[in-house]
Amino acid sequence: MMKLTRIMAIALIAVFSASCVSASASADDAEMIDAAPQDVARTWDAARVYLPSADGPVRLSSMADLHNHMEGQEELLPIAIHLHGCAGFWQGTDLRGSYLASLGFVVIAPDSFARTNKPQSCDPTTQQGGFHRGTLALRQAEAAHAIARVRALPWVDKEKMVLTGHSEGAIATATLGAAHTVGFKARVIEGWGCNAYWQEYAGLNSSPDLPVLSLVGNRDPWFRLSFLQGDCGEFMKNAASRSVVYGEPPLKSVHNLFDYTRPREDLRNFLCEHVHCAATDRH
């Protein structure tokens, strides 16, 4: 995550531009894919993939395995694009991917660290971030590319797509331009409160009618600075959206909320209402 120090907040750091982030969702996805810089394409190629199955969630070893597995697939399947935090893949990525798969989603998690040049943006051991302001543009570009690739997959249920993110990935999920998620049914923000000193990091860029779920502890240790405190509720645009702020221990001081049962249940209920309900949750 991003704990922005006051010195960093006033530093003049150039923001990386990403032309694909501003592209219209009506633009031809094939053109966006072909035009993607090689580094962005690498994040998709190195993605982790999780599949639902009757015997429990399955993690595939590569995107090539996914394409082979889905060859001849006729049933349309719900999909979740998951954006990891500032430290990249970790055991929590598998937990989140497997849990979403248990809810019936195919999960694709692009690997930001597959880039040949990935600037360090945080130090998880000290819970400090904000080392590279341009990181957000990089993460948005990765999300936009993944969305274009997902839309090109013939087996994806285009009526059941969701964008999720944890920590730094949650910031990208919150701030990605609305044009990119046209047709998506929801965004899910874990471990981010939508408040920041840097303007491009703050708020929600979702469309007015898109349901958004955000979850944050009100004593999250990554958000000790005053300008990072708060929650996404003040930026939400419709009654279907929900900002969950956990104020009781242990969740009030937890950053990795989906490691816990109650936040996972909040996620399941939200997705069941707005995107897709697993067979075991249907009434």
Protein backbone atom coordinates (compact mmCIF):
# COMPACT_ATOMS: atom_id res chain seq x y z
CA MET A 1 0.00 0.00 0.00
CA MET A 2 0.92 3.63 -0.11
CA LYS A 3 1.79 5.56 3.04
CA LEU A 4 2.71 8.88 1.49
CA THR A 5 5.22 10.86 3.51
CA ARG A 6 4.91 14.61 3.61
CA ILE A 7 8.19 15.05 1.78
CA MET A 8 7.07 12.73 -0.98
CA ALA A 9 3.70 14.41 -1.18
CA ILE A 10 5.23 17.77 -2.10
CA ALA A 11 8.01 16.41 -4.28
CA LEU A 12 7.86 17.12 -7.98
CA ILE A 13 7.69 13.63 -9.39
CA ALA A 14 6.72 13.15 -12.99
CA VAL A 15 3.60 11.10 -13.56
CA PHE A 16 3.98 8.38 -16.17
CA SER A 17 1.50 8.72 -18.99
CA ALA A 18 -0.39 5.74 -20.36
CA SER A 19 -2.28 6.34 -23.55
CA CYS A 20 -4.33 3.20 -23.20
CA VAL A 21 -5.78 4.43 -19.90
CA SER A 22 -7.57 7.30 -21.63
CA ALA A 23 -8.78 5.23 -24.53
CA SER A 24 -12.52 4.84 -24.98
CA ALA A 25 -14.08 1.51 -24.04
CA SER A 26 -15.71 1.56 -27.47
CA ALA A 27 -12.28 1.47 -29.14
CA ASP A 28 -11.44 -1.78 -30.85
CA ASP A 29 -9.99 -4.09 -28.22
CA ALA A 30 -7.69 -5.77 -30.72
CA GLU A 31 -6.11 -2.42 -31.54
CA MET A 32 -5.59 -1.71 -27.84
CA ILE A 33 -3.98 -5.11 -27.36
CA ASP A 34 -1.68 -4.71 -30.35
CA ALA A 35 -0.71 -1.18 -29.33
CA ALA A 36 0.17 -2.10 -25.74
CA PRO A 37 3.80 -1.54 -24.78
CA GLN A 38 5.70 -4.79 -24.39
CA ASP A 39 6.02 -4.34 -20.64
CA VAL A 40 2.26 -4.04 -20.23
CA ALA A 41 1.68 -7.17 -22.30
CA ARG A 42 4.16 -9.03 -20.10
CA THR A 43 1.97 -8.39 -17.02
CA TRP A 44 -0.90 -10.22 -18.75
CA ASP A 45 1.26 -13.07 -20.02
CA ALA A 46 2.58 -13.70 -16.50
CA ALA A 47 -0.83 -13.50 -14.82
CA ARG A 48 -1.94 -16.02 -12.23
CA VAL A 49 -5.18 -17.81 -13.09
CA TYR A 50 -7.72 -19.49 -10.82
CA LEU A 51 -10.62 -21.62 -12.01
CA PRO A 52 -13.78 -22.79 -10.29
CA SER A 53 -14.34 -26.55 -10.26
CA ALA A 54 -16.55 -29.08 -8.56
CA ASP A 55 -13.54 -30.31 -6.55
CA GLY A 56 -12.50 -26.84 -5.43
CA PRO A 57 -10.59 -23.92 -6.96
CA VAL A 58 -7.74 -24.75 -9.31
CA ARG A 59 -4.69 -22.56 -9.96
CA LEU A 60 -3.25 -22.85 -13.45
CA SER A 61 0.46 -22.43 -14.04
CA SER A 62 0.22 -20.12 -17.05
CA MET A 63 -2.04 -18.17 -19.37
CA ALA A 64 -1.21 -20.75 -22.03
CA ASP A 65 -2.78 -23.38 -19.77
CA LEU A 66 -5.89 -21.24 -19.52
CA HIS A 67 -6.22 -21.01 -23.30
CA ASN A 68 -5.74 -24.78 -23.61
CA HIS A 69 -8.23 -25.45 -20.83
CA MET A 70 -10.88 -23.23 -22.40
CA GLU A 71 -10.52 -24.58 -25.92
CA GLY A 72 -13.99 -25.62 -27.02
CA GLN A 73 -15.57 -24.06 -23.91
CA GLU A 74 -19.20 -23.30 -24.74
CA GLU A 75 -20.62 -22.17 -21.42
CA LEU A 76 -20.04 -18.49 -20.68
CA LEU A 77 -18.25 -17.96 -17.37
CA PRO A 78 -18.11 -15.03 -14.93
CA ILE A 79 -14.70 -13.39 -14.64
CA ALA A 80 -12.82 -11.31 -12.09
CA ILE A 81 -9.69 -9.33 -12.87
CA HIS A 82 -7.67 -8.98 -9.67
CA LEU A 83 -4.93 -6.37 -9.14
CA HIS A 84 -2.35 -7.27 -6.49
CA GLY A 85 -0.76 -4.86 -4.01
CA CYS A 86 2.52 -2.95 -4.12
CA ALA A 87 4.66 -5.96 -3.17
CA GLY A 88 3.33 -8.18 -5.94
CA PHE A 89 2.16 -11.76 -5.69
CA TRP A 90 2.12 -13.35 -2.24
CA GLN A 91 0.23 -16.06 -0.42
CA GLY A 92 -2.71 -13.69 -0.06
CA THR A 93 -3.01 -13.53 -3.86
CA ASP A 94 -3.71 -17.25 -3.90
CA LEU A 95 -6.22 -16.85 -1.07
CA ARG A 96 -8.11 -14.12 -2.94
CA GLY A 97 -7.95 -15.87 -6.29
CA SER A 98 -9.10 -19.16 -4.82
CA TYR A 99 -11.92 -17.54 -2.87
CA LEU A 100 -13.26 -15.73 -5.93
CA ALA A 101 -12.98 -18.98 -7.87
CA SER A 102 -14.98 -20.72 -5.14
CA LEU A 103 -17.72 -18.17 -5.86
CA GLY A 104 -17.81 -19.27 -9.49
CA PHE A 105 -15.45 -16.76 -11.11
CA VAL A 106 -12.52 -17.36 -13.40
CA VAL A 107 -9.87 -15.10 -11.87
CA ILE A 108 -7.02 -13.47 -13.78
CA ALA A 109 -4.42 -11.56 -11.75
CA PRO A 110 -1.89 -9.66 -13.90
CA ASP A 111 1.68 -9.57 -12.56
CA SER A 112 2.95 -6.00 -12.36
CA PHE A 113 6.43 -7.32 -11.53
CA ALA A 114 6.67 -9.05 -14.90
CA ARG A 115 7.70 -5.64 -16.27
CA THR A 116 11.35 -5.36 -17.19
CA ASN A 117 11.47 -2.04 -15.34
CA LYS A 118 9.25 -2.07 -12.24
CA PRO A 119 10.04 0.81 -9.88
CA GLN A 120 9.83 0.04 -6.17
CA SER A 121 6.78 1.80 -4.77
CA CYS A 122 6.67 0.59 -1.17
CA ASP A 123 8.35 -1.24 1.70
CA PRO A 124 5.87 -3.69 3.26
CA THR A 125 8.16 -4.37 6.23
CA THR A 126 7.84 -0.76 7.39
CA GLN A 127 4.37 -0.20 5.89
CA GLN A 128 5.62 2.77 3.90
CA GLY A 129 4.79 3.67 0.32
CA GLY A 130 4.64 6.55 -2.08
CA PHE A 131 8.16 5.90 -3.38
CA HIS A 132 7.16 6.37 -7.02
CA ARG A 133 4.19 8.53 -7.88
CA GLY A 134 4.01 7.29 -11.47
CA THR A 135 3.21 3.76 -10.26
CA LEU A 136 -0.51 4.48 -10.46
CA ALA A 137 -0.36 5.14 -14.20
CA LEU A 138 1.52 1.86 -14.66
CA ARG A 139 -1.10 -0.09 -12.71
CA GLN A 140 -3.96 1.58 -14.58
CA ALA A 141 -2.34 0.65 -17.88
CA GLU A 142 -2.08 -2.97 -16.74
CA ALA A 143 -5.74 -3.00 -15.73
CA ALA A 144 -6.86 -1.45 -19.02
CA HIS A 145 -4.85 -4.00 -20.99
CA ALA A 146 -6.22 -6.91 -18.98
CA ILE A 147 -9.78 -5.67 -19.53
CA ALA A 148 -9.21 -5.47 -23.28
CA ARG A 149 -7.79 -8.99 -23.30
CA VAL A 150 -10.69 -10.34 -21.24
CA ARG A 151 -13.24 -8.80 -23.57
CA ALA A 152 -11.60 -10.66 -26.45
CA LEU A 153 -12.02 -14.07 -24.79
CA PRO A 154 -15.01 -15.86 -26.34
CA TRP A 155 -15.94 -17.84 -23.21
CA VAL A 156 -16.26 -14.83 -20.88
CA ASP A 157 -19.78 -13.89 -19.78
CA LYS A 158 -19.73 -10.21 -20.67
CA GLU A 159 -22.67 -9.67 -18.30
CA LYS A 160 -20.69 -10.93 -15.30
CA MET A 161 -17.36 -9.11 -15.17
CA VAL A 162 -15.84 -7.53 -12.06
CA LEU A 163 -12.64 -5.61 -11.32
CA THR A 164 -11.07 -6.16 -7.90
CA GLY A 165 -7.94 -4.84 -6.26
CA HIS A 166 -6.01 -5.01 -3.01
CA SER A 167 -3.99 -2.13 -1.56
CA GLU A 168 -2.06 -0.48 -4.43
CA GLY A 169 -4.21 -2.58 -6.77
CA ALA A 170 -7.26 -1.17 -5.01
CA ILE A 171 -6.10 2.37 -5.83
CA ALA A 172 -5.89 1.41 -9.50
CA THR A 173 -9.31 -0.25 -9.24
CA ALA A 174 -10.80 2.90 -7.73
CA THR A 175 -9.22 5.40 -10.11
CA LEU A 176 -9.30 3.60 -13.47
CA GLY A 177 -11.32 5.69 -15.94
CA ALA A 178 -15.00 4.80 -16.20
CA ALA A 179 -14.75 4.17 -19.95
CA HIS A 180 -12.68 1.05 -19.34
CA THR A 181 -15.27 -0.73 -17.22
CA VAL A 182 -18.30 -0.14 -19.42
CA GLY A 183 -20.26 -3.38 -19.20
CA PHE A 184 -18.69 -4.39 -15.89
CA LYS A 185 -21.06 -5.12 -13.04
CA ALA A 186 -18.91 -4.00 -10.10
CA ARG A 187 -15.60 -2.86 -8.70
CA VAL A 188 -14.22 -4.13 -5.38
CA ILE A 189 -11.70 -2.11 -3.35
CA GLU A 190 -9.89 -3.85 -0.46
CA GLY A 191 -7.58 -1.94 1.86
CA TRP A 192 -7.91 1.58 0.46
CA GLY A 193 -9.96 4.57 1.61
CA CYS A 194 -9.96 6.73 -1.54
CA ASN A 195 -8.24 9.64 0.25
CA ALA A 196 -4.79 10.86 -0.78
CA TYR A 197 -2.65 13.98 -1.08
CA TRP A 198 -1.86 13.30 -4.72
CA GLN A 199 -4.98 14.24 -6.64
CA GLU A 200 -4.89 11.41 -9.17
CA TYR A 201 -4.85 8.87 -6.33
CA ALA A 202 -7.99 10.18 -4.64
CA GLY A 203 -11.68 9.48 -5.22
CA LEU A 204 -13.59 7.09 -7.48
CA ASN A 205 -13.60 7.19 -11.27
CA SER A 206 -16.37 4.62 -11.68
CA SER A 207 -19.47 5.38 -13.73
CA PRO A 208 -22.50 6.81 -11.87
CA ASP A 209 -24.47 3.55 -12.09
CA LEU A 210 -21.70 1.01 -11.32
CA PRO A 211 -21.91 -0.69 -7.90
CA VAL A 212 -18.69 -0.35 -5.89
CA LEU A 213 -17.74 -2.21 -2.73
CA SER A 214 -14.94 -0.78 -0.61
CA LEU A 215 -13.59 -2.26 2.61
CA VAL A 216 -11.13 -0.65 5.01
CA GLY A 217 -10.21 -0.74 8.69
CA ASN A 218 -10.55 2.61 10.43
CA ARG A 219 -7.13 2.13 12.02
CA ASP A 220 -5.38 0.62 9.00
CA PRO A 221 -1.65 0.92 9.81
CA TRP A 222 -0.85 2.04 6.26
CA PHE A 223 -3.02 5.15 6.63
CA ARG A 224 -1.66 6.89 9.71
CA LEU A 225 -1.14 10.21 7.94
CA SER A 226 -4.14 12.51 8.14
CA PHE A 227 -4.55 12.96 4.39
CA LEU A 228 -4.82 9.18 3.92
CA GLN A 229 -7.57 8.71 6.47
CA GLY A 230 -11.22 8.26 5.55
CA ASP A 231 -13.15 5.88 3.38
CA CYS A 232 -14.58 5.64 -0.12
CA GLY A 233 -18.14 6.28 1.02
CA GLU A 234 -17.91 10.03 0.43
CA PHE A 235 -17.12 9.40 -3.25
CA MET A 236 -19.76 6.79 -4.03
CA LYS A 237 -22.34 7.65 -6.65
CA ASN A 238 -25.30 5.31 -6.21
CA ALA A 239 -27.33 3.44 -3.61
CA ALA A 240 -26.04 0.06 -4.80
CA SER A 241 -22.49 0.94 -3.72
CA ARG A 242 -21.31 0.13 -0.22
CA SER A 243 -18.45 1.41 1.90
CA VAL A 244 -17.61 -0.94 4.77
CA VAL A 245 -15.46 0.54 7.54
CA TYR A 246 -14.48 -1.96 10.21
CA GLY A 247 -14.23 -0.36 13.63
CA GLU A 248 -13.90 -3.37 15.92
CA PRO A 249 -10.80 -5.46 16.60
CA PRO A 250 -9.11 -7.16 14.94
CA LEU A 251 -10.47 -5.84 11.63
CA LYS A 252 -10.10 -2.16 12.50
CA SER A 253 -6.30 -2.51 12.29
CA VAL A 254 -6.17 -5.00 9.41
CA HIS A 255 -4.94 -4.12 5.93
CA ASN A 256 -5.38 -7.54 4.33
CA LEU A 257 -9.08 -7.80 5.07
CA PHE A 258 -9.97 -10.75 2.87
CA ASP A 259 -7.73 -12.89 5.06
CA TYR A 260 -10.71 -12.82 7.47
CA THR A 261 -14.11 -14.47 7.33
CA ARG A 262 -16.38 -11.46 7.83
CA PRO A 263 -14.95 -9.36 4.97
CA ARG A 264 -15.06 -12.39 2.69
CA GLU A 265 -18.72 -12.81 3.56
CA ASP A 266 -19.33 -9.12 2.82
CA LEU A 267 -17.66 -9.65 -0.56
CA ARG A 268 -19.68 -12.78 -1.31
CA ASN A 269 -22.98 -11.08 -0.47
CA PHE A 270 -22.13 -8.06 -2.61
CA LEU A 271 -21.11 -10.14 -5.63
CA CYS A 272 -24.14 -12.37 -5.23
CA GLU A 273 -26.40 -9.33 -5.33
CA HIS A 274 -24.76 -7.43 -8.19
CA VAL A 275 -22.64 -9.78 -10.32
CA HIS A 276 -22.90 -13.52 -9.85
CA CYS A 277 -24.23 -15.86 -7.21
CA ALA A 278 -22.48 -19.17 -6.70
CA ALA A 279 -24.77 -22.18 -6.93
CA THR A 280 -24.46 -22.84 -3.18
CA ASP A 281 -25.58 -19.26 -2.41
CA ARG A 282 -28.69 -19.28 -4.56
CA HIS A 283 -32.05 -19.48 -2.82
